[in-house]
N, C-alpha and C. Protein backbone atom coordinates (compact mmCIF):
# COMPACT_ATOMS: atom_id res chain seq x y z
N MET A 1 -1.88 32.03 15.24
CA MET A 1 -0.76 32.46 16.57
C MET A 1 -1.52 33.55 17.15
N PRO A 2 -1.23 33.16 18.53
CA PRO A 2 -1.91 34.13 19.48
C PRO A 2 -1.47 35.94 19.47
N ARG A 3 -2.08 36.87 19.68
CA ARG A 3 -1.60 38.25 19.45
C ARG A 3 -0.16 38.20 20.58
N ILE A 4 0.60 39.23 20.41
CA ILE A 4 2.05 38.75 21.12
C ILE A 4 2.37 40.13 21.09
N GLU A 5 2.97 40.60 22.01
CA GLU A 5 3.21 41.83 23.13
C GLU A 5 4.44 41.73 23.46
N ARG A 6 6.08 42.70 22.98
CA ARG A 6 7.28 42.60 23.90
C ARG A 6 7.60 43.72 23.88
N ARG A 7 8.25 44.01 25.10
CA ARG A 7 8.80 45.52 25.17
C ARG A 7 9.99 45.73 25.89
N ALA A 8 10.20 46.84 24.69
CA ALA A 8 11.71 47.26 25.28
C ALA A 8 12.04 48.40 25.50
N GLU A 9 12.85 49.05 25.91
CA GLU A 9 13.36 50.85 26.53
C GLU A 9 14.03 50.79 26.53
N ALA A 10 14.53 52.13 26.30
CA ALA A 10 15.54 53.10 25.05
C ALA A 10 15.85 54.54 26.35
N VAL A 11 16.62 54.18 27.11
CA VAL A 11 17.23 55.65 28.06
C VAL A 11 18.32 56.51 27.21
N TRP A 12 17.75 58.05 27.32
CA TRP A 12 18.99 58.72 26.34
C TRP A 12 19.41 59.42 27.31
N GLU A 13 20.64 59.96 26.99
CA GLU A 13 20.88 61.80 28.07
C GLU A 13 21.91 62.00 27.24
N GLY A 14 21.60 63.35 27.31
CA GLY A 14 22.19 64.58 26.56
C GLY A 14 22.28 65.18 24.93
N SER A 15 22.72 66.03 24.10
CA SER A 15 22.17 65.73 22.57
C SER A 15 22.90 64.76 21.86
N VAL A 16 22.17 64.75 20.90
CA VAL A 16 21.97 64.06 19.77
C VAL A 16 23.59 63.43 19.75
N ALA A 17 24.45 64.64 19.09
CA ALA A 17 25.91 64.56 18.58
C ALA A 17 26.40 63.74 19.95
N ARG A 18 26.53 63.85 21.17
CA ARG A 18 27.42 63.94 22.41
C ARG A 18 26.89 63.01 23.43
N GLY A 19 25.78 62.83 23.17
CA GLY A 19 24.76 62.03 23.59
C GLY A 19 25.26 60.73 23.93
N GLY A 20 24.58 59.90 24.70
CA GLY A 20 24.20 58.29 24.59
C GLY A 20 22.91 57.64 25.48
N GLY A 21 22.83 56.40 24.48
CA GLY A 21 21.75 56.08 25.82
C GLY A 21 21.62 54.53 25.81
N ARG A 22 20.80 53.64 26.29
CA ARG A 22 21.23 52.11 26.89
C ARG A 22 19.65 51.74 25.96
N LEU A 23 20.07 50.62 25.91
CA LEU A 23 18.09 49.98 25.49
C LEU A 23 19.01 48.84 26.40
N THR A 24 17.63 48.55 26.97
CA THR A 24 16.77 47.09 27.68
C THR A 24 15.66 46.47 27.12
N ALA A 25 15.87 44.94 27.10
CA ALA A 25 14.57 44.30 26.73
C ALA A 25 13.91 44.10 28.01
N VAL A 26 12.91 44.81 28.39
CA VAL A 26 12.12 44.68 29.52
C VAL A 26 11.36 43.45 29.33
N SER A 27 10.69 42.93 28.39
CA SER A 27 9.99 42.12 28.64
C SER A 27 10.34 40.62 29.36
N SER A 28 11.79 40.64 28.30
CA SER A 28 12.65 38.80 28.51
C SER A 28 13.89 39.18 29.66
N GLY A 29 14.42 40.95 29.51
CA GLY A 29 15.51 40.65 30.72
C GLY A 29 16.60 39.96 29.81
N ALA A 30 16.66 39.52 28.57
CA ALA A 30 17.22 39.14 27.67
C ALA A 30 18.38 40.37 27.67
N PHE A 31 18.60 41.54 27.49
CA PHE A 31 19.62 42.44 27.23
C PHE A 31 19.43 42.87 28.08
N ASP A 32 20.55 44.14 28.87
CA ASP A 32 19.76 45.44 29.77
C ASP A 32 21.31 46.37 29.38
N ALA A 33 20.32 47.24 29.28
CA ALA A 33 21.14 49.20 28.87
C ALA A 33 22.91 48.73 28.10
N LEU A 34 22.45 47.72 26.77
CA LEU A 34 23.08 48.31 25.78
C LEU A 34 22.93 49.76 25.41
N GLY A 35 24.88 50.25 24.99
CA GLY A 35 25.23 51.33 24.68
C GLY A 35 24.56 51.59 23.16
N TYR A 36 24.54 52.43 23.14
CA TYR A 36 24.28 53.20 22.04
C TYR A 36 24.48 54.53 21.66
N SER A 37 25.20 55.12 20.78
CA SER A 37 25.06 56.55 20.12
C SER A 37 25.46 56.93 18.83
N LEU A 38 25.51 58.43 18.89
CA LEU A 38 26.08 58.85 17.47
C LEU A 38 26.66 58.54 16.37
N PRO A 39 27.98 58.45 17.09
CA PRO A 39 29.09 58.14 16.50
C PRO A 39 29.94 56.60 16.75
N THR A 40 29.21 55.99 17.66
CA THR A 40 28.94 54.43 17.43
C THR A 40 28.41 53.74 16.32
N ARG A 41 27.03 54.40 15.97
CA ARG A 41 25.87 54.32 15.33
C ARG A 41 26.47 54.37 13.70
N ILE A 42 26.96 55.37 13.38
CA ILE A 42 27.15 55.79 11.93
C ILE A 42 29.17 55.21 11.80
N GLY A 43 29.82 55.12 12.89
CA GLY A 43 31.81 55.32 12.81
C GLY A 43 31.42 53.58 13.08
N ASP A 44 32.64 53.33 14.20
CA ASP A 44 33.56 52.60 14.62
C ASP A 44 32.19 51.95 15.96
N PRO A 45 31.61 50.79 15.66
CA PRO A 45 30.79 50.77 16.88
C PRO A 45 31.18 50.53 18.64
N GLU A 46 32.52 50.35 18.86
CA GLU A 46 33.52 50.48 19.93
C GLU A 46 32.69 49.49 20.64
N GLY A 47 32.15 48.52 20.45
CA GLY A 47 31.51 47.15 20.93
C GLY A 47 30.04 47.76 22.36
N LYS A 48 29.36 48.73 21.31
CA LYS A 48 28.08 48.81 21.25
C LYS A 48 27.02 49.16 20.19
N THR A 49 26.05 48.63 20.04
CA THR A 49 24.67 48.71 19.32
C THR A 49 24.32 49.51 18.34
N SER A 50 23.28 49.29 17.31
CA SER A 50 22.51 50.42 16.82
C SER A 50 21.45 49.90 16.54
N PRO A 51 20.18 51.04 16.16
CA PRO A 51 19.01 50.21 16.12
C PRO A 51 18.81 49.37 14.76
N GLU A 52 19.57 50.21 13.87
CA GLU A 52 20.15 49.02 12.89
C GLU A 52 20.67 48.00 12.78
N GLU A 53 21.67 47.53 13.53
CA GLU A 53 22.18 46.48 14.36
C GLU A 53 20.80 45.36 14.54
N LEU A 54 20.17 45.78 15.47
CA LEU A 54 19.05 45.31 16.62
C LEU A 54 17.80 44.99 15.29
N LEU A 55 17.64 45.89 14.50
CA LEU A 55 16.94 45.79 13.01
C LEU A 55 17.61 44.30 12.66
N ALA A 56 18.36 43.93 11.62
CA ALA A 56 19.31 42.69 11.08
C ALA A 56 19.06 42.43 12.43
N ALA A 57 19.35 42.34 13.61
CA ALA A 57 18.83 40.24 14.26
C ALA A 57 17.74 40.29 14.23
N ALA A 58 16.92 41.06 14.73
CA ALA A 58 15.26 40.47 14.71
C ALA A 58 14.76 39.85 12.93
N HIS A 59 15.26 40.58 12.52
CA HIS A 59 14.81 40.15 10.58
C HIS A 59 15.99 38.90 10.73
N ALA A 60 16.58 38.49 10.84
CA ALA A 60 17.74 37.16 11.14
C ALA A 60 16.62 36.01 11.58
N GLY A 61 16.91 36.06 12.77
CA GLY A 61 15.77 35.39 13.95
C GLY A 61 14.47 34.97 13.50
N CYS A 62 13.71 35.75 12.78
CA CYS A 62 12.54 35.52 12.23
C CYS A 62 12.87 34.81 11.04
N PHE A 63 13.72 35.31 10.68
CA PHE A 63 13.71 35.09 8.90
C PHE A 63 13.83 33.14 9.17
N ALA A 64 15.18 33.11 10.13
CA ALA A 64 15.63 31.43 10.25
C ALA A 64 14.49 30.59 11.06
N MET A 65 13.87 31.27 11.78
CA MET A 65 12.55 30.51 12.37
C MET A 65 11.66 30.07 11.41
N SER A 66 11.04 31.06 10.31
CA SER A 66 10.38 30.80 8.88
C SER A 66 10.87 29.93 8.08
N VAL A 67 12.08 29.97 7.54
CA VAL A 67 12.72 29.04 7.31
C VAL A 67 12.47 27.52 7.37
N ALA A 68 12.60 27.62 8.86
CA ALA A 68 12.89 26.42 9.11
C ALA A 68 11.23 26.02 9.36
N GLY A 69 10.49 26.21 9.68
CA GLY A 69 9.29 25.91 9.66
C GLY A 69 8.63 25.11 8.25
N GLU A 70 9.08 26.15 7.03
CA GLU A 70 8.76 25.61 5.51
C GLU A 70 10.05 24.77 5.86
N LEU A 71 10.72 24.59 5.71
CA LEU A 71 11.52 22.69 5.59
C LEU A 71 10.96 22.14 6.40
N THR A 72 10.27 21.81 7.83
CA THR A 72 9.65 21.09 8.48
C THR A 72 8.16 20.95 7.55
N LYS A 73 7.60 21.91 7.03
CA LYS A 73 6.48 21.13 6.33
C LYS A 73 6.73 20.49 5.52
N ARG A 74 7.73 20.75 4.73
CA ARG A 74 8.13 20.05 3.54
C ARG A 74 9.03 18.44 3.83
N GLU A 75 8.98 17.88 5.14
CA GLU A 75 9.37 16.87 5.87
C GLU A 75 11.06 17.01 5.46
N ALA A 76 11.90 18.02 5.45
CA ALA A 76 13.06 18.30 5.77
C ALA A 76 13.78 19.49 6.49
N PRO A 77 13.82 18.88 7.53
CA PRO A 77 14.00 19.69 8.76
C PRO A 77 15.12 20.18 8.56
N PRO A 78 15.77 21.59 9.13
CA PRO A 78 17.31 21.43 8.90
C PRO A 78 17.99 21.03 10.55
N GLN A 79 18.97 20.35 9.35
CA GLN A 79 20.30 20.25 10.46
C GLN A 79 20.77 21.67 11.17
N ARG A 80 20.96 22.29 10.06
CA ARG A 80 21.44 23.99 10.75
C ARG A 80 21.18 24.93 9.77
N LEU A 81 20.75 26.08 10.41
CA LEU A 81 20.85 27.40 9.78
C LEU A 81 21.25 28.45 9.97
N GLU A 82 21.99 29.01 8.76
CA GLU A 82 22.87 30.41 9.17
C GLU A 82 22.30 31.38 8.18
N VAL A 83 21.72 32.00 9.19
CA VAL A 83 21.20 33.31 8.62
C VAL A 83 21.63 35.24 8.74
N LYS A 84 22.21 35.18 7.81
CA LYS A 84 23.02 36.92 7.89
C LYS A 84 22.38 38.00 7.01
N VAL A 85 22.01 39.08 8.10
CA VAL A 85 21.21 40.17 7.48
C VAL A 85 21.86 41.24 7.55
N THR A 86 22.20 42.02 6.60
CA THR A 86 22.69 43.23 6.35
C THR A 86 21.73 43.84 6.04
N CYS A 87 21.84 45.25 7.07
CA CYS A 87 20.29 46.38 6.45
C CYS A 87 21.45 47.43 6.28
N THR A 88 20.81 47.94 5.65
CA THR A 88 21.43 49.34 4.91
C THR A 88 20.66 50.66 5.46
N VAL A 89 21.53 51.26 5.58
CA VAL A 89 20.59 53.07 5.52
C VAL A 89 21.14 54.18 5.01
N ASP A 90 20.76 54.74 3.94
CA ASP A 90 21.27 55.94 2.99
C ASP A 90 20.18 56.93 3.76
N GLU A 91 20.71 57.69 2.99
CA GLU A 91 20.07 59.23 2.43
C GLU A 91 18.99 58.94 1.35
N VAL A 92 18.28 59.21 1.62
CA VAL A 92 16.80 59.66 0.96
C VAL A 92 16.51 61.04 0.24
N ALA A 93 16.48 61.46 -1.31
CA ALA A 93 16.08 62.79 -1.35
C ALA A 93 14.98 62.95 -0.54
N GLY A 94 15.27 63.98 0.08
CA GLY A 94 13.88 64.92 0.85
C GLY A 94 13.24 64.33 1.89
N LYS A 95 13.84 62.83 2.22
CA LYS A 95 13.09 62.19 3.35
C LYS A 95 14.08 62.37 4.39
N GLY A 96 15.46 62.41 4.53
CA GLY A 96 16.38 62.35 5.45
C GLY A 96 17.12 60.86 4.98
N HIS A 97 17.64 60.26 6.13
CA HIS A 97 18.05 59.30 6.19
C HIS A 97 17.27 57.51 6.60
N LEU A 98 17.36 57.21 5.80
CA LEU A 98 15.89 56.03 6.33
C LEU A 98 16.92 54.27 5.82
N VAL A 99 16.11 53.41 6.41
CA VAL A 99 16.45 51.74 5.92
C VAL A 99 16.17 51.93 4.54
N VAL A 100 16.81 51.07 3.87
CA VAL A 100 16.61 51.39 2.00
C VAL A 100 16.65 49.98 2.24
N GLN A 101 17.31 48.89 2.62
CA GLN A 101 17.52 47.39 2.20
C GLN A 101 17.62 46.81 3.54
N SER A 102 17.55 45.68 3.16
CA SER A 102 17.78 44.58 4.48
C SER A 102 17.99 43.54 3.53
N HIS A 103 19.32 42.73 3.65
CA HIS A 103 19.65 41.69 2.86
C HIS A 103 19.80 40.56 3.73
N VAL A 104 19.41 39.16 3.04
CA VAL A 104 19.31 38.43 3.59
C VAL A 104 20.31 37.07 3.32
N ASP A 105 20.73 36.35 4.18
CA ASP A 105 21.58 35.21 2.87
C ASP A 105 21.41 34.26 3.82
N VAL A 106 21.08 33.12 3.73
CA VAL A 106 20.57 31.83 3.88
C VAL A 106 21.70 30.49 3.66
N VAL A 107 22.28 30.28 4.98
CA VAL A 107 22.59 28.68 3.92
C VAL A 107 22.24 27.86 5.28
N ALA A 108 22.00 26.72 4.47
CA ALA A 108 21.06 25.45 4.83
C ALA A 108 22.00 24.27 4.60
N ALA A 109 21.91 23.47 5.63
CA ALA A 109 22.18 21.94 5.88
C ALA A 109 20.93 21.42 6.04
N ALA A 110 19.86 20.72 5.31
CA ALA A 110 18.97 20.18 4.98
C ALA A 110 19.02 18.76 4.04
N PRO A 111 19.28 18.16 4.55
CA PRO A 111 18.91 17.00 4.05
C PRO A 111 17.53 16.23 3.54
N GLY A 112 17.41 15.73 2.19
CA GLY A 112 16.70 14.89 1.95
C GLY A 112 15.62 16.16 1.24
N ILE A 113 16.01 17.34 0.70
CA ILE A 113 15.71 18.20 0.25
C ILE A 113 15.94 18.35 -1.02
N GLU A 114 15.45 18.95 -2.55
CA GLU A 114 16.24 19.42 -3.96
C GLU A 114 16.01 20.76 -3.87
N GLU A 115 17.15 21.72 -4.86
CA GLU A 115 17.65 22.93 -4.24
C GLU A 115 16.11 23.98 -4.97
N ALA A 116 15.62 23.22 -5.92
CA ALA A 116 14.30 24.01 -6.40
C ALA A 116 13.51 23.93 -5.01
N GLU A 117 13.27 22.72 -4.57
CA GLU A 117 11.97 22.96 -3.41
C GLU A 117 12.99 23.81 -2.39
N PHE A 118 14.42 23.99 -2.04
CA PHE A 118 14.35 24.73 -0.81
C PHE A 118 14.10 26.36 -1.11
N GLN A 119 14.27 26.51 -2.25
CA GLN A 119 14.05 27.75 -3.16
C GLN A 119 13.05 28.00 -2.74
N ALA A 120 11.73 27.15 -3.12
CA ALA A 120 10.63 27.61 -2.66
C ALA A 120 10.37 27.72 -1.55
N ALA A 121 11.17 26.71 -0.38
CA ALA A 121 10.76 26.74 0.66
C ALA A 121 11.23 28.48 1.40
N VAL A 122 12.43 28.76 0.74
CA VAL A 122 13.06 30.14 1.65
C VAL A 122 12.09 31.24 0.78
N ALA A 123 11.48 31.09 -0.33
CA ALA A 123 10.68 31.82 -0.52
C ALA A 123 9.16 32.03 -0.10
N ALA A 124 8.48 30.94 0.45
CA ALA A 124 7.64 30.56 0.98
C ALA A 124 7.76 31.74 2.45
N ALA A 125 9.06 30.97 2.86
CA ALA A 125 9.75 31.56 4.22
C ALA A 125 10.00 33.39 4.36
N ASP A 126 10.41 33.89 3.62
CA ASP A 126 10.47 35.29 3.25
C ASP A 126 9.04 35.78 3.05
N ALA A 127 7.72 35.51 2.20
CA ALA A 127 6.99 36.00 2.38
C ALA A 127 5.90 36.03 3.70
N GLY A 128 6.61 34.89 4.71
CA GLY A 128 5.57 34.42 6.20
C GLY A 128 6.77 35.56 6.79
N CYS A 129 7.53 35.90 6.57
CA CYS A 129 8.82 36.00 7.53
C CYS A 129 7.85 37.54 8.43
N THR A 130 7.38 37.92 9.29
CA THR A 130 6.90 39.03 9.92
C THR A 130 8.01 40.13 9.76
N MET A 131 9.16 40.45 9.90
CA MET A 131 10.51 40.83 9.72
C MET A 131 10.41 41.09 8.40
N SER A 132 10.51 40.39 7.78
CA SER A 132 10.71 40.67 5.91
C SER A 132 9.14 41.73 5.40
N SER A 133 7.95 41.80 6.47
CA SER A 133 7.05 42.38 5.55
C SER A 133 6.97 43.27 6.40
N LEU A 134 7.25 43.72 7.52
CA LEU A 134 7.13 45.04 8.36
C LEU A 134 8.56 45.67 7.77
N ILE A 135 10.00 45.04 6.77
CA ILE A 135 10.92 46.05 6.37
C ILE A 135 10.15 46.70 4.97
N ARG A 136 9.56 45.64 4.48
CA ARG A 136 8.86 45.78 2.74
C ARG A 136 7.99 47.11 2.82
N GLY A 137 7.53 47.33 4.09
CA GLY A 137 6.76 48.91 4.26
C GLY A 137 7.65 49.69 3.70
N SER A 138 9.00 49.91 3.38
CA SER A 138 9.61 51.13 3.22
C SER A 138 10.73 50.68 2.31
N ALA A 139 11.18 49.80 2.51
CA ALA A 139 12.56 48.83 1.71
C ALA A 139 12.91 47.87 1.03
N GLU A 140 13.46 47.55 0.31
CA GLU A 140 13.58 46.59 -0.76
C GLU A 140 14.60 45.31 0.64
N VAL A 141 13.84 43.91 0.11
CA VAL A 141 14.20 42.69 0.85
C VAL A 141 14.74 42.27 0.24
N SER A 142 16.17 41.84 0.10
CA SER A 142 16.47 40.71 -1.11
C SER A 142 17.21 39.15 -0.25
N VAL A 143 16.85 38.58 -1.49
CA VAL A 143 17.47 36.77 -0.22
C VAL A 143 17.90 36.35 -1.09
N SER A 144 19.33 35.52 -0.73
CA SER A 144 20.34 35.01 -1.39
C SER A 144 19.74 33.54 -0.50
N ALA A 145 20.15 31.79 -0.94
CA ALA A 145 20.19 30.71 -0.60
C ALA A 145 20.60 30.33 -0.84
N ARG A 146 21.12 28.58 -0.07
CA ARG A 146 22.04 28.11 -0.81
C ARG A 146 22.26 26.46 0.17
N LEU A 147 21.83 25.62 0.05
CA LEU A 147 22.27 24.53 0.41
C LEU A 147 23.79 24.10 0.66
N VAL A 148 23.75 23.24 1.77
CA VAL A 148 25.51 23.02 1.70
C VAL A 148 25.43 21.28 2.52
């Protein structure tokens, strides 16, 4: 795969407690001015996003592509994959608030593959997922997967 660069931008105005920001996908234009703030980050989202939600979305998207690739290698391309990621932030003694876990839940419709081979494909997908690798630098990644 060639070297890839993507750009996003954050604009923040005001204090951390009372201010707010907007996130924009500069490279693609896929989203513009997504709102975020401390109150919506740690409380009710009120229709706004957070860095942690965007990390969960990136992890889910990357993982789904990785599983699709692994299943295709095994001649069982998926009909459908549902990948849900829960990103957990917690206070770590002496370090403040950190992402401590990203849990991935995969549900796959992939005719022609047995359970053991499916689980091997998911494990290989996890090993090859760039977001899993990034997150493992400082947090735990856990995965559950099932065929339907």
